[in-house]
Amino acid sequence: MQTPWEHRYAQRTQRMKSSAIRELLKLAEQPGIISFGGGMPAPDVFPVEQFKEACIKVLNNNSAGALQYGSTEGYLPLREMIARHTSRYGITVNADNILITSGSQQALDLLGKVFINRGDRILVESPTYLGALQAWNAYGAEYVSVSFDDNGMVPESLEHALRFGPKFIYALPNFQNPTGITMSLERRTRLVELADRYGVPIIEDDPYGQLRYEGETLPAVEVIDSQFRGEQGCYSGNVIYLSTFSKILAPGIRLAWVIAPSEVIRKLVQAKQGADLNTSTFNQMVAYEVGHGGFLDEHAKLIRKVYRERRDVMLDSLSEHMPEGVRWTTPQGGLFLWVTLPEHLNSSEVLQEAVKEKVAFVPGHSFFPNGGGENTMRLNFSFSNPEMINEGIGRLGRVIKKVMQG
């Protein structure tokens, strides 16, 4: 007799949903599909030769350590490298404030495990990063959403949401996923002030901070918070900061980091020990060998050059092919832009027609924690080359015109 597994799942699994993005990535495997769906870096900017050399060096010099278990906190030289790297952006920490995780998605999951009780309210932008919602749904989170415009969180909406007593605020200030919008300096400062007034901590997710193609670099929310509190040296403020190597080295190594007060790091370490003991020691050592000595900065220049060109091609192609009534954002960096269709259109229905024409994107409603956004879509411009972008946007424009005409 077969075991009825569906009756044995924990209650938390009822809120687990498949990622719309992961499902769409399967489409990219079909012949001829041009996919703007995933948030994937371009394979042609992966530093393959540097990884080859680093792998050989690590195995020749320290194979016993590289292939062994490591500390839960992470490989110390890598954490020290991250501390040096972030200090140039005003984030002053030491290795004790840094935890290496198996990608930013694990960091989000660990934060959910440590902070979220069932029914806790989490304050998020609307729309916000789908992966965070997916991570925290399993812990029973509820969401208080904040209105969003071209400068980020709307302060009046933010203050109203804070009155609901959220456990923490989740924000992506730089080139937000999914919209590509950057939170202005004024809005960042207001965020810090209001978070302090209402006693609510901030989780700042910054995977794209080094991928700026134009405009002035803005201080991290963590930096503004430290200045607001007059902190010197010790990292003990109101912000937990996340970033990753996925966008500046390669996502396949699954390496990211959390910067937080040391007591928070200790609690996250305990949670991580129950998850995977430690992130791959070999991958951490290889990433250190690739990244130290200034390579990260030089490689980021190449990535910015390639992605800036692809962003510009997509923007030009949208202007050429999209019918009247379709709007989109102009991101200063990152990997995405956000398209808003006329209100009567449903992007999920548009996707069904688009797939027939061998082009794919992510419908926007998935990024809204409390519903809405049926007429929006997210487009990725980093993965496809300029010729594919032109062709794909041309196909998509024809599909949208056809749907608009009924």
Protein backbone atom coordinates (compact mmCIF):
# COMPACT_ATOMS: atom_id res chain seq x y z
CA MET A 1 0.00 0.00 0.00
CA GLN A 2 1.40 3.38 -0.99
CA THR A 3 1.98 5.89 1.80
CA PRO A 4 -0.34 8.94 1.48
CA TRP A 5 2.42 11.52 1.67
CA GLU A 6 0.13 14.49 1.15
CA HIS A 7 -1.34 13.92 4.64
CA ARG A 8 2.09 13.92 6.28
CA TYR A 9 3.48 17.25 5.12
CA ALA A 10 3.99 19.93 7.76
CA GLN A 11 1.44 22.74 7.80
CA ARG A 12 4.12 25.19 6.67
CA THR A 13 4.29 23.47 3.28
CA GLN A 14 0.80 24.76 2.48
CA ARG A 15 2.34 28.20 1.83
CA MET A 16 5.22 26.88 -0.24
CA LYS A 17 4.84 27.68 -3.93
CA SER A 18 7.05 26.96 -6.90
CA SER A 19 9.01 29.99 -8.03
CA ALA A 20 7.53 31.53 -11.15
CA ILE A 21 11.06 32.39 -12.20
CA ARG A 22 12.38 28.85 -11.73
CA GLU A 23 9.49 27.52 -13.76
CA LEU A 24 10.12 30.04 -16.52
CA LEU A 25 13.78 29.08 -16.67
CA LYS A 26 12.63 25.73 -18.00
CA LEU A 27 11.26 27.61 -21.01
CA ALA A 28 14.74 28.88 -21.78
CA GLU A 29 15.78 25.31 -22.49
CA GLN A 30 13.35 25.05 -25.39
CA PRO A 31 14.91 25.53 -28.83
CA GLY A 32 14.55 29.03 -30.18
CA ILE A 33 13.19 30.62 -27.00
CA ILE A 34 14.53 34.09 -26.18
CA SER A 35 14.02 34.41 -22.44
CA PHE A 36 14.02 37.70 -20.54
CA GLY A 37 12.73 35.79 -17.52
CA GLY A 38 15.62 34.78 -15.30
CA GLY A 39 17.93 37.11 -13.42
CA MET A 40 20.93 35.39 -14.92
CA PRO A 41 24.32 36.98 -15.51
CA ALA A 42 25.81 36.66 -18.98
CA PRO A 43 27.98 33.52 -19.27
CA ASP A 44 30.38 35.39 -21.56
CA VAL A 45 31.53 37.57 -18.64
CA PHE A 46 32.32 34.66 -16.32
CA PRO A 47 36.06 34.74 -15.45
CA VAL A 48 36.62 31.16 -16.57
CA GLU A 49 40.42 31.28 -16.87
CA GLN A 50 40.77 32.85 -13.43
CA PHE A 51 38.59 30.08 -11.96
CA LYS A 52 40.68 27.40 -13.66
CA GLU A 53 43.90 28.85 -12.24
CA ALA A 54 42.36 29.28 -8.79
CA CYS A 55 41.08 25.70 -8.66
CA ILE A 56 44.52 24.32 -9.51
CA LYS A 57 46.21 26.61 -6.99
CA VAL A 58 43.83 25.67 -4.18
CA LEU A 59 44.16 21.94 -4.84
CA ASN A 60 47.93 22.11 -5.17
CA ASN A 61 48.48 24.23 -2.06
CA ASN A 62 45.73 23.17 0.35
CA SER A 63 43.72 20.24 -0.94
CA ALA A 64 43.22 18.81 2.55
CA GLY A 65 41.64 22.02 3.81
CA ALA A 66 39.68 22.76 0.64
CA LEU A 67 38.01 19.35 0.54
CA GLN A 68 37.29 19.22 4.28
CA TYR A 69 34.51 20.63 6.45
CA GLY A 70 35.01 24.28 7.35
CA SER A 71 33.79 26.74 9.93
CA THR A 72 30.14 27.70 9.80
CA GLU A 73 31.05 31.39 9.77
CA GLY A 74 33.03 30.94 6.58
CA TYR A 75 36.62 30.92 5.31
CA LEU A 76 38.40 33.62 7.31
CA PRO A 77 40.53 35.08 4.46
CA LEU A 78 37.36 35.44 2.36
CA ARG A 79 35.50 37.21 5.16
CA GLU A 80 38.48 39.53 5.66
CA MET A 81 38.52 40.26 1.93
CA ILE A 82 34.82 41.14 2.04
CA ALA A 83 35.43 43.43 5.01
CA ARG A 84 38.16 45.27 3.10
CA HIS A 85 36.01 45.46 -0.01
CA THR A 86 32.95 46.88 1.74
CA SER A 87 35.00 49.37 3.78
CA ARG A 88 35.59 51.37 0.58
CA TYR A 89 31.84 51.95 0.44
CA GLY A 90 31.72 53.16 4.02
CA ILE A 91 30.61 49.87 5.63
CA THR A 92 33.14 49.41 8.44
CA VAL A 93 33.13 45.86 9.82
CA ASN A 94 35.48 43.03 10.72
CA ALA A 95 35.28 39.31 9.98
CA ASP A 96 33.19 38.67 13.13
CA ASN A 97 30.38 40.69 11.55
CA ILE A 98 30.31 38.55 8.40
CA LEU A 99 28.66 35.19 7.71
CA ILE A 100 29.22 33.39 4.40
CA THR A 101 26.06 31.74 3.05
CA SER A 102 25.24 29.41 0.18
CA GLY A 103 23.86 32.20 -1.97
CA SER A 104 21.68 35.11 -0.89
CA GLN A 105 18.67 32.81 -0.93
CA GLN A 106 20.08 30.90 2.02
CA ALA A 107 20.72 34.19 3.80
CA LEU A 108 17.06 35.13 3.38
CA ASP A 109 15.96 31.71 4.61
CA LEU A 110 18.19 31.91 7.68
CA LEU A 111 16.85 35.36 8.50
CA GLY A 112 13.34 33.95 8.27
CA LYS A 113 14.27 31.05 10.53
CA VAL A 114 15.81 33.35 13.13
CA PHE A 115 13.35 36.24 13.12
CA ILE A 116 9.92 35.21 11.82
CA ASN A 117 7.17 33.66 13.92
CA ARG A 118 3.94 32.61 12.25
CA GLY A 119 1.79 35.68 11.75
CA ASP A 120 4.64 38.20 12.02
CA ARG A 121 4.27 41.16 9.70
CA ILE A 122 7.15 41.96 7.38
CA LEU A 123 7.25 45.37 5.71
CA VAL A 124 8.15 45.10 2.03
CA GLU A 125 8.14 47.22 -1.09
CA SER A 126 5.33 46.52 -3.52
CA PRO A 127 6.49 44.97 -5.78
CA THR A 128 9.43 43.23 -4.12
CA TYR A 129 11.89 40.38 -4.68
CA LEU A 130 9.99 37.13 -5.23
CA GLY A 131 12.74 35.01 -3.63
CA ALA A 132 12.33 36.77 -0.29
CA LEU A 133 8.59 36.11 -0.30
CA GLN A 134 9.21 32.48 -1.17
CA ALA A 135 11.74 32.10 1.65
CA TRP A 136 9.54 33.69 4.30
CA ASN A 137 6.18 32.24 3.34
CA ALA A 138 7.23 28.92 4.85
CA TYR A 139 7.71 30.60 8.24
CA GLY A 140 4.20 32.00 8.21
CA ALA A 141 5.05 35.62 7.43
CA GLU A 142 2.37 38.16 6.60
CA TYR A 143 3.24 41.22 4.55
CA VAL A 144 2.61 44.91 4.96
CA SER A 145 3.30 46.46 1.57
CA VAL A 146 4.56 49.98 0.88
CA SER A 147 3.75 51.99 -2.21
CA PHE A 148 6.63 52.45 -4.61
CA ASP A 149 7.43 55.15 -7.17
CA ASP A 150 10.42 56.21 -9.27
CA ASN A 151 12.36 57.21 -6.12
CA GLY A 152 11.63 54.12 -4.05
CA MET A 153 9.40 53.70 -1.00
CA VAL A 154 6.85 56.49 -0.63
CA PRO A 155 7.47 57.99 2.85
CA GLU A 156 3.78 58.50 3.70
CA SER A 157 3.02 54.89 2.80
CA LEU A 158 6.10 53.73 4.72
CA GLU A 159 5.10 55.53 7.90
CA HIS A 160 1.54 54.22 7.64
CA ALA A 161 2.85 50.66 7.26
CA LEU A 162 5.20 51.03 10.24
CA ARG A 163 2.18 51.63 12.48
CA PHE A 164 1.24 47.98 11.96
CA GLY A 165 4.31 46.95 14.00
CA PRO A 166 6.31 44.92 11.47
CA LYS A 167 9.10 42.64 12.65
CA PHE A 168 11.50 44.20 10.16
CA ILE A 169 11.70 46.20 6.92
CA TYR A 170 13.02 44.52 3.77
CA ALA A 171 14.43 46.87 1.13
CA LEU A 172 16.47 46.69 -2.08
CA PRO A 173 17.74 50.27 -2.50
CA ASN A 174 19.96 49.75 -5.55
CA PHE A 175 18.36 48.81 -8.91
CA GLN A 176 15.54 47.00 -7.20
CA ASN A 177 14.45 43.56 -8.27
CA PRO A 178 12.00 43.57 -10.05
CA THR A 179 11.63 47.22 -11.11
CA GLY A 180 15.25 48.36 -11.55
CA ILE A 181 14.44 51.53 -9.57
CA THR A 182 17.02 53.08 -7.22
CA MET A 183 15.92 54.56 -3.91
CA SER A 184 16.90 58.24 -3.74
CA LEU A 185 19.22 59.60 -1.06
CA GLU A 186 16.35 61.53 0.49
CA ARG A 187 14.22 58.40 0.67
CA ARG A 188 17.08 56.35 2.17
CA THR A 189 17.57 58.94 4.87
CA ARG A 190 13.84 59.03 5.57
CA LEU A 191 13.78 55.23 5.77
CA VAL A 192 16.49 55.25 8.43
CA GLU A 193 14.77 58.01 10.42
CA LEU A 194 11.37 56.33 10.38
CA ALA A 195 12.81 52.90 11.18
CA ASP A 196 14.54 54.41 14.21
CA ARG A 197 11.44 56.28 15.33
CA TYR A 198 9.30 53.15 15.23
CA GLY A 199 12.04 50.81 16.51
CA VAL A 200 11.99 48.53 13.46
CA PRO A 201 15.21 47.03 12.02
CA ILE A 202 16.05 47.04 8.31
CA ILE A 203 17.30 44.23 6.09
CA GLU A 204 19.13 45.83 3.16
CA ASP A 205 19.53 43.48 0.21
CA ASP A 206 22.19 44.76 -2.19
CA PRO A 207 23.11 42.17 -4.84
CA TYR A 208 23.53 44.72 -7.65
CA GLY A 209 25.34 47.60 -5.93
CA GLN A 210 28.48 47.34 -8.09
CA LEU A 211 26.48 47.22 -11.33
CA ARG A 212 25.86 50.95 -11.77
CA TYR A 213 25.98 52.20 -15.36
CA GLU A 214 25.22 55.86 -14.87
CA GLY A 215 24.46 58.39 -12.17
CA GLU A 216 25.97 59.03 -8.77
CA THR A 217 26.76 56.17 -6.38
CA LEU A 218 24.58 56.52 -3.29
CA PRO A 219 25.56 55.45 0.24
CA ALA A 220 24.16 52.20 1.52
CA VAL A 221 21.27 52.41 3.96
CA GLU A 222 23.64 50.82 6.48
CA VAL A 223 26.08 53.71 6.07
CA ILE A 224 23.33 56.29 6.52
CA ASP A 225 22.13 54.44 9.62
CA SER A 226 25.66 54.40 11.10
CA GLN A 227 26.02 58.13 10.49
CA PHE A 228 22.58 58.74 11.97
CA ARG A 229 23.64 56.93 15.15
CA GLY A 230 27.12 58.46 15.24
CA GLU A 231 28.70 54.99 15.35
CA GLN A 232 32.44 54.66 15.27
CA GLY A 233 34.02 51.29 14.58
CA CYS A 234 31.73 48.70 16.18
CA TYR A 235 28.98 47.46 13.89
CA SER A 236 25.91 47.53 16.10
CA GLY A 237 23.27 49.48 14.22
CA ASN A 238 19.76 48.89 12.97
CA VAL A 239 20.62 47.38 9.56
CA ILE A 240 21.49 43.87 8.40
CA TYR A 241 23.22 44.04 5.02
CA LEU A 242 23.22 41.29 2.36
CA SER A 243 25.26 40.94 -0.81
CA THR A 244 26.59 38.25 -3.11
CA PHE A 245 29.29 37.07 -5.50
CA SER A 246 26.64 35.80 -7.93
CA LYS A 247 26.52 39.01 -9.96
CA ILE A 248 30.22 39.93 -9.94
CA LEU A 249 31.86 36.48 -10.20
CA ALA A 250 29.40 33.68 -10.98
CA PRO A 251 26.14 32.39 -9.49
CA GLY A 252 27.23 28.77 -9.76
CA ILE A 253 29.66 29.09 -6.84
CA ARG A 254 26.68 29.90 -4.56
CA LEU A 255 28.47 32.38 -2.31
CA ALA A 256 26.93 35.37 -0.58
CA TRP A 257 27.31 37.09 2.76
CA VAL A 258 25.44 38.67 5.65
CA ILE A 259 26.86 41.67 7.54
CA ALA A 260 25.24 42.14 10.93
CA PRO A 261 25.99 42.88 14.59
CA SER A 262 28.03 40.06 16.10
CA GLU A 263 25.17 38.80 18.30
CA VAL A 264 22.96 38.44 15.20
CA ILE A 265 25.74 36.62 13.37
CA ARG A 266 26.00 34.14 16.26
CA LYS A 267 22.29 33.36 16.05
CA LEU A 268 22.44 32.99 12.26
CA VAL A 269 25.42 30.65 12.66
CA GLN A 270 23.31 28.43 14.91
CA ALA A 271 20.56 28.38 12.31
CA LYS A 272 23.02 27.61 9.52
CA GLN A 273 24.53 24.73 11.47
CA GLY A 274 21.12 23.09 11.37
CA ALA A 275 20.90 23.65 7.63
CA ASP A 276 24.24 22.72 6.06
CA LEU A 277 27.01 22.97 8.72
CA ASN A 278 29.06 25.16 6.39
CA THR A 279 29.12 26.57 2.87
CA SER A 280 31.45 24.76 0.47
CA THR A 281 35.01 25.26 1.71
CA PHE A 282 36.42 24.61 -1.75
CA ASN A 283 34.20 27.23 -3.37
CA GLN A 284 35.13 29.80 -0.74
CA MET A 285 38.84 29.22 -1.19
CA VAL A 286 38.53 29.42 -4.96
CA ALA A 287 36.50 32.64 -4.73
CA TYR A 288 39.16 34.14 -2.49
CA GLU A 289 41.92 33.24 -4.95
CA VAL A 290 39.94 34.71 -7.83
CA GLY A 291 38.77 37.81 -6.01
CA HIS A 292 41.67 39.09 -3.97
CA GLY A 293 44.33 41.44 -5.25
CA GLY A 294 41.98 43.88 -6.98
CA PHE A 295 40.49 41.49 -9.54
CA LEU A 296 36.91 42.16 -8.43
CA ASP A 297 37.15 45.84 -9.30
CA GLU A 298 38.66 45.21 -12.72
CA HIS A 299 36.17 42.49 -13.55
CA ALA A 300 33.25 44.67 -12.47
CA LYS A 301 34.34 47.23 -15.07
CA LEU A 302 33.93 44.61 -17.81
CA ILE A 303 30.52 43.53 -16.51
CA ARG A 304 29.30 47.13 -16.36
CA LYS A 305 30.43 47.75 -19.93
CA VAL A 306 28.64 44.66 -21.28
CA TYR A 307 25.44 45.16 -19.30
CA ARG A 308 25.24 48.89 -20.00
CA GLU A 309 25.26 48.12 -23.73
CA ARG A 310 22.53 45.49 -23.32
CA ARG A 311 20.39 47.78 -21.19
CA ASP A 312 20.67 50.52 -23.82
CA VAL A 313 19.80 48.11 -26.62
CA MET A 314 16.69 46.94 -24.73
CA LEU A 315 15.58 50.51 -24.01
CA ASP A 316 16.03 51.50 -27.67
CA SER A 317 14.23 48.39 -28.83
CA LEU A 318 11.31 49.02 -26.48
CA SER A 319 11.00 52.54 -27.86
CA GLU A 320 10.95 51.14 -31.38
CA HIS A 321 8.59 48.19 -30.94
CA MET A 322 6.18 48.85 -28.07
CA PRO A 323 2.73 50.24 -28.86
CA GLU A 324 1.38 53.43 -27.32
CA GLY A 325 0.21 52.97 -23.74
CA VAL A 326 3.09 50.71 -22.67
CA ARG A 327 5.54 52.22 -20.14
CA TRP A 328 8.85 51.02 -18.70
CA THR A 329 11.51 52.04 -16.20
CA THR A 330 15.01 53.24 -17.11
CA PRO A 331 17.31 51.58 -14.57
CA GLN A 332 20.67 53.15 -13.73
CA GLY A 333 22.12 49.70 -13.09
CA GLY A 334 21.32 46.12 -12.17
CA LEU A 335 19.78 43.45 -14.37
CA PHE A 336 16.12 44.34 -14.86
CA LEU A 337 13.60 46.82 -16.10
CA TRP A 338 9.87 46.91 -15.41
CA VAL A 339 7.15 47.18 -18.02
CA THR A 340 3.62 48.40 -17.30
CA LEU A 341 0.92 47.51 -19.82
CA PRO A 342 -2.44 49.24 -20.19
CA GLU A 343 -4.60 48.38 -17.18
CA HIS A 344 -7.01 46.13 -19.07
CA LEU A 345 -4.22 43.74 -20.13
CA ASN A 346 -3.07 40.73 -18.11
CA SER A 347 0.63 39.92 -18.51
CA SER A 348 0.06 36.22 -17.76
CA GLU A 349 -2.24 36.04 -20.77
CA VAL A 350 0.32 37.97 -22.80
CA LEU A 351 2.94 35.41 -21.76
CA GLN A 352 0.86 32.56 -23.16
CA GLU A 353 0.85 34.25 -26.55
CA ALA A 354 4.50 35.30 -26.23
CA VAL A 355 5.67 31.73 -25.69
CA LYS A 356 4.04 30.80 -29.00
CA GLU A 357 6.33 33.40 -30.57
CA LYS A 358 9.34 31.98 -28.70
CA VAL A 359 9.87 34.82 -26.22
CA ALA A 360 9.42 34.74 -22.44
CA PHE A 361 9.36 37.10 -19.45
CA VAL A 362 8.17 37.07 -15.83
CA PRO A 363 4.60 38.31 -15.23
CA GLY A 364 4.67 41.02 -12.58
CA HIS A 365 1.90 39.82 -10.28
CA SER A 366 4.29 37.30 -8.66
CA PHE A 367 6.23 40.17 -7.09
CA PHE A 368 3.25 41.68 -5.26
CA PRO A 369 2.87 40.14 -1.79
CA ASN A 370 -0.77 41.17 -1.37
CA GLY A 371 -2.00 40.95 -4.94
CA GLY A 372 -2.02 43.31 -7.87
CA GLY A 373 0.33 44.01 -10.75
CA GLU A 374 -1.54 41.86 -13.28
CA ASN A 375 -0.63 44.34 -16.05
CA THR A 376 3.12 44.38 -15.31
CA MET A 377 6.15 42.34 -16.33
CA ARG A 378 9.84 42.08 -15.52
CA LEU A 379 12.43 41.93 -18.28
CA ASN A 380 16.05 40.88 -17.80
CA PHE A 381 18.62 42.47 -20.11
CA SER A 382 21.88 40.95 -18.83
CA PHE A 383 21.63 37.42 -20.19
CA SER A 384 20.84 37.85 -23.88
CA ASN A 385 23.23 39.39 -26.40
CA PRO A 386 22.19 42.57 -28.24
CA GLU A 387 20.98 40.72 -31.34
CA MET A 388 18.76 38.44 -29.24
CA ILE A 389 17.44 41.43 -27.29
CA ASN A 390 16.42 43.22 -30.49
CA GLU A 391 14.78 40.11 -31.88
CA GLY A 392 13.05 39.22 -28.61
CA ILE A 393 11.66 42.70 -27.96
CA GLY A 394 10.46 42.81 -31.57
CA ARG A 395 8.57 39.56 -31.03
CA LEU A 396 7.18 40.77 -27.72
CA GLY A 397 6.05 44.07 -29.23
CA ARG A 398 4.14 42.24 -31.94
CA VAL A 399 2.48 40.00 -29.36
CA ILE A 400 1.39 42.95 -27.18
CA LYS A 401 -0.02 44.79 -30.20
CA LYS A 402 -1.96 41.66 -31.17
CA VAL A 403 -3.37 41.24 -27.65
CA MET A 404 -4.30 44.94 -27.44
CA GLN A 405 -6.21 44.67 -30.70
CA GLY A 406 -8.15 41.71 -29.32
